[in-house]
Structure formats: structure tokens, C-alpha cells
Amino acid sequence: MTERRTKVIRIALILTGIGAIYTLFAHFTGIGIPCPIYWITGLQCPGCGISRMFLSMLRLDFLAAFHYNPAVFCLLPIFFLVGARKVYLYIRYNKRNDFFCDVIIWIMIAVLMLFGILRNLIK
């Protein structure tokens, strides 16, 4: 169990470090990750605006964060709960698959796909 906990902590620290570096880079340069789907098609994907959403959330400007990507903004608490459950089950029981979490993840994917379609139809 200790080995799994150490592995999760290491991955979390690496991802947090990458996120912090990207946040500082985007804040000071104004350059974000471009969306290849938008660049090629001119259509916004379900993830367009996530960088600006997170940067707005760091400034505690939740209205702007919602404006940039309302679907991800609303699904974020569910994502963290599912992620926390999956981490707990992995650390405690070495269980990598959980039917309940998998169903919720597929529902979130379906919601994001629908959002991706609707955000380009309704402007």
C-alpha cells in the first residue's frame, strides 16, 4: 500500500509541477496551448477554453471561468470526486477498475461530446 501511495504522490507532484510551469508561462507570455481542431476546422472542440478557464479560476474569477468552458467548469467537481475514488481504490485495494467510476466517466464523455456539438451550432 505504501508503494502505491508513493507512486500516486509522485505522479500528483509531477502533474502539479507541469501545471504550475504552464500557468506561469501562459501568465507571463500570454501564449497558451493552441487547439489543433480549432486551427484546422475553425470549430471549437469540447476542450477549447480550458486553459483560460483554469487561469480565470486561479484569479477567482469564476464567472469568466464558466464563460470560457461551461461544460468542463460544471463537470470539474464530478471529475475530482471520481478521480479521488479511483485513487483511493487503487491505494487501498490495488483496484484499477471500478464499474461505477467507469459509467460516470462515460457519461461525462457523452456530455462533453454533446457540448462540443452544441457549442458550434448555437453561437
C-alpha atoms as a PDB file:
ATOM      1  CA  MET A   1       0.000   0.000   0.000  1.00  0.00           C
ATOM      2  CA  THR A   2       2.850   2.412   0.803  1.00  0.00           C
ATOM      3  CA  GLU A   3       4.412   1.834  -2.605  1.00  0.00           C
ATOM      4  CA  ARG A   4       1.127   2.655  -4.366  1.00  0.00           C
ATOM      5  CA  ARG A   5       0.643   5.765  -2.220  1.00  0.00           C
ATOM      6  CA  THR A   6       4.183   6.932  -3.028  1.00  0.00           C
ATOM      7  CA  LYS A   7       3.561   6.362  -6.736  1.00  0.00           C
ATOM      8  CA  VAL A   8       0.324   8.410  -6.634  1.00  0.00           C
ATOM      9  CA  ILE A   9       2.001  11.231  -4.705  1.00  0.00           C
ATOM     10  CA  ARG A  10       4.917  11.276  -7.167  1.00  0.00           C
ATOM     11  CA  ILE A  11       2.560  11.468 -10.162  1.00  0.00           C
ATOM     12  CA  ALA A  12       0.470  14.183  -8.476  1.00  0.00           C
ATOM     13  CA  LEU A  13       3.578  16.262  -7.747  1.00  0.00           C
ATOM     14  CA  ILE A  14       4.846  15.903 -11.321  1.00  0.00           C
ATOM     15  CA  LEU A  15       1.466  16.939 -12.760  1.00  0.00           C
ATOM     16  CA  THR A  16       1.216  19.843 -10.321  1.00  0.00           C
ATOM     17  CA  GLY A  17       4.709  20.986 -11.306  1.00  0.00           C
ATOM     18  CA  ILE A  18       3.886  20.802 -15.005  1.00  0.00           C
ATOM     19  CA  GLY A  19       0.657  22.719 -14.374  1.00  0.00           C
ATOM     20  CA  ALA A  20       2.483  25.396 -12.367  1.00  0.00           C
ATOM     21  CA  ILE A  21       5.136  25.827 -15.055  1.00  0.00           C
ATOM     22  CA  TYR A  22       2.475  26.081 -17.774  1.00  0.00           C
ATOM     23  CA  THR A  23       0.454  28.545 -15.687  1.00  0.00           C
ATOM     24  CA  LEU A  24       3.458  30.796 -15.147  1.00  0.00           C
ATOM     25  CA  PHE A  25       4.418  30.554 -18.818  1.00  0.00           C
ATOM     26  CA  ALA A  26       0.890  31.367 -20.004  1.00  0.00           C
ATOM     27  CA  HIS A  27       0.530  34.196 -17.485  1.00  0.00           C
ATOM     28  CA  PHE A  28       3.774  35.948 -18.340  1.00  0.00           C
ATOM     29  CA  THR A  29       3.839  35.359 -22.103  1.00  0.00           C
ATOM     30  CA  GLY A  30       0.141  35.271 -22.943  1.00  0.00           C
ATOM     31  CA  ILE A  31       0.809  32.159 -25.031  1.00  0.00           C
ATOM     32  CA  GLY A  32      -1.406  29.152 -24.379  1.00  0.00           C
ATOM     33  CA  ILE A  33      -1.776  25.707 -25.867  1.00  0.00           C
ATOM     34  CA  PRO A  34      -3.434  26.137 -29.275  1.00  0.00           C
ATOM     35  CA  CYS A  35      -6.300  23.825 -30.197  1.00  0.00           C
ATOM     36  CA  PRO A  36      -5.450  21.802 -33.316  1.00  0.00           C
ATOM     37  CA  ILE A  37      -9.130  21.094 -34.013  1.00  0.00           C
ATOM     38  CA  TYR A  38      -9.963  24.809 -33.993  1.00  0.00           C
ATOM     39  CA  TRP A  39      -6.860  25.599 -36.034  1.00  0.00           C
ATOM     40  CA  ILE A  40      -7.770  23.035 -38.726  1.00  0.00           C
ATOM     41  CA  THR A  41     -11.579  23.275 -38.813  1.00  0.00           C
ATOM     42  CA  GLY A  42     -12.474  26.598 -37.192  1.00  0.00           C
ATOM     43  CA  LEU A  43     -14.799  24.691 -34.847  1.00  0.00           C
ATOM     44  CA  GLN A  44     -14.397  24.701 -31.090  1.00  0.00           C
ATOM     45  CA  CYS A  45     -13.760  21.302 -29.530  1.00  0.00           C
ATOM     46  CA  PRO A  46     -15.210  20.389 -26.112  1.00  0.00           C
ATOM     47  CA  GLY A  47     -11.888  21.358 -24.531  1.00  0.00           C
ATOM     48  CA  CYS A  48     -11.461  24.781 -26.123  1.00  0.00           C
ATOM     49  CA  GLY A  49     -11.082  27.408 -23.424  1.00  0.00           C
ATOM     50  CA  ILE A  50      -9.866  25.093 -20.656  1.00  0.00           C
ATOM     51  CA  SER A  51      -6.547  26.924 -20.204  1.00  0.00           C
ATOM     52  CA  ARG A  52      -8.308  30.280 -19.942  1.00  0.00           C
ATOM     53  CA  MET A  53     -10.888  28.689 -17.619  1.00  0.00           C
ATOM     54  CA  PHE A  54      -8.214  27.445 -15.208  1.00  0.00           C
ATOM     55  CA  LEU A  55      -6.328  30.743 -15.325  1.00  0.00           C
ATOM     56  CA  SER A  56      -9.586  32.559 -14.504  1.00  0.00           C
ATOM     57  CA  MET A  57     -10.236  30.164 -11.643  1.00  0.00           C
ATOM     58  CA  LEU A  58      -6.768  30.901 -10.247  1.00  0.00           C
ATOM     59  CA  ARG A  59      -7.739  34.591 -10.238  1.00  0.00           C
ATOM     60  CA  LEU A  60     -11.013  33.564  -8.507  1.00  0.00           C
ATOM     61  CA  ASP A  61     -12.978  34.932 -11.480  1.00  0.00           C
ATOM     62  CA  PHE A  62     -15.479  32.081 -11.642  1.00  0.00           C
ATOM     63  CA  LEU A  63     -17.907  33.888 -13.956  1.00  0.00           C
ATOM     64  CA  ALA A  64     -15.206  34.252 -16.612  1.00  0.00           C
ATOM     65  CA  ALA A  65     -14.137  30.641 -15.999  1.00  0.00           C
ATOM     66  CA  PHE A  66     -17.698  29.479 -16.624  1.00  0.00           C
ATOM     67  CA  HIS A  67     -17.857  31.616 -19.765  1.00  0.00           C
ATOM     68  CA  TYR A  68     -14.728  30.033 -21.281  1.00  0.00           C
ATOM     69  CA  ASN A  69     -15.941  26.423 -20.924  1.00  0.00           C
ATOM     70  CA  PRO A  70     -19.235  25.900 -19.065  1.00  0.00           C
ATOM     71  CA  ALA A  71     -19.328  22.118 -19.522  1.00  0.00           C
ATOM     72  CA  VAL A  72     -15.898  21.421 -18.073  1.00  0.00           C
ATOM     73  CA  PHE A  73     -16.489  24.007 -15.338  1.00  0.00           C
ATOM     74  CA  CYS A  74     -19.656  22.185 -14.244  1.00  0.00           C
ATOM     75  CA  LEU A  75     -18.160  18.693 -14.597  1.00  0.00           C
ATOM     76  CA  LEU A  76     -14.970  19.544 -12.698  1.00  0.00           C
ATOM     77  CA  PRO A  77     -16.303  18.650  -9.214  1.00  0.00           C
ATOM     78  CA  ILE A  78     -17.571  15.296 -10.508  1.00  0.00           C
ATOM     79  CA  PHE A  79     -14.226  14.676 -12.208  1.00  0.00           C
ATOM     80  CA  PHE A  80     -12.365  15.293  -8.943  1.00  0.00           C
ATOM     81  CA  LEU A  81     -14.738  13.053  -6.966  1.00  0.00           C
ATOM     82  CA  VAL A  82     -14.353  10.219  -9.474  1.00  0.00           C
ATOM     83  CA  GLY A  83     -10.590  10.739  -9.531  1.00  0.00           C
ATOM     84  CA  ALA A  84     -10.423  10.702  -5.730  1.00  0.00           C
ATOM     85  CA  ARG A  85     -12.451   7.483  -5.617  1.00  0.00           C
ATOM     86  CA  LYS A  86     -10.212   5.834  -8.214  1.00  0.00           C
ATOM     87  CA  VAL A  87      -7.063   6.898  -6.330  1.00  0.00           C
ATOM     88  CA  TYR A  88      -8.497   5.630  -3.032  1.00  0.00           C
ATOM     89  CA  LEU A  89      -9.455   2.260  -4.530  1.00  0.00           C
ATOM     90  CA  TYR A  90      -6.028   1.937  -6.138  1.00  0.00           C
ATOM     91  CA  ILE A  91      -4.085   2.810  -2.989  1.00  0.00           C
ATOM     92  CA  ARG A  92      -6.242   0.858  -0.544  1.00  0.00           C
ATOM     93  CA  TYR A  93      -7.199  -2.232  -2.568  1.00  0.00           C
ATOM     94  CA  ASN A  94      -4.938  -2.107  -5.667  1.00  0.00           C
ATOM     95  CA  LYS A  95      -8.151  -1.959  -7.695  1.00  0.00           C
ATOM     96  CA  ARG A  96      -7.684  -0.256 -11.043  1.00  0.00           C
ATOM     97  CA  ASN A  97     -11.179  -0.677 -12.467  1.00  0.00           C
ATOM     98  CA  ASP A  98     -14.416   0.424 -10.857  1.00  0.00           C
ATOM     99  CA  PHE A  99     -17.683  -0.026 -12.728  1.00  0.00           C
ATOM    100  CA  PHE A 100     -19.341   2.962 -11.031  1.00  0.00           C
ATOM    101  CA  CYS A 101     -16.473   5.311 -11.906  1.00  0.00           C
ATOM    102  CA  ASP A 102     -16.281   3.989 -15.445  1.00  0.00           C
ATOM    103  CA  VAL A 103     -20.001   4.640 -16.004  1.00  0.00           C
ATOM    104  CA  ILE A 104     -19.676   8.193 -14.663  1.00  0.00           C
ATOM    105  CA  ILE A 105     -16.641   8.810 -16.892  1.00  0.00           C
ATOM    106  CA  TRP A 106     -18.534   7.613 -19.984  1.00  0.00           C
ATOM    107  CA  ILE A 107     -21.481   9.848 -19.074  1.00  0.00           C
ATOM    108  CA  MET A 108     -19.099  12.815 -18.736  1.00  0.00           C
ATOM    109  CA  ILE A 109     -17.567  11.979 -22.130  1.00  0.00           C
ATOM    110  CA  ALA A 110     -21.050  11.884 -23.689  1.00  0.00           C
ATOM    111  CA  VAL A 111     -21.918  15.243 -22.095  1.00  0.00           C
ATOM    112  CA  LEU A 112     -18.696  16.770 -23.422  1.00  0.00           C
ATOM    113  CA  MET A 113     -19.330  15.384 -26.915  1.00  0.00           C
ATOM    114  CA  LEU A 114     -22.841  16.848 -26.898  1.00  0.00           C
ATOM    115  CA  PHE A 115     -21.459  20.154 -25.609  1.00  0.00           C
ATOM    116  CA  GLY A 116     -18.843  20.152 -28.380  1.00  0.00           C
ATOM    117  CA  ILE A 117     -21.565  19.794 -30.992  1.00  0.00           C
ATOM    118  CA  LEU A 118     -23.967  22.295 -29.463  1.00  0.00           C
ATOM    119  CA  ARG A 119     -21.356  24.993 -28.830  1.00  0.00           C
ATOM    120  CA  ASN A 120     -20.706  25.131 -32.585  1.00  0.00           C
ATOM    121  CA  LEU A 121     -24.362  25.058 -33.606  1.00  0.00           C
ATOM    122  CA  ILE A 122     -25.541  27.722 -31.145  1.00  0.00           C
ATOM    123  CA  LYS A 123     -23.499  30.897 -31.370  1.00  0.00           C
END
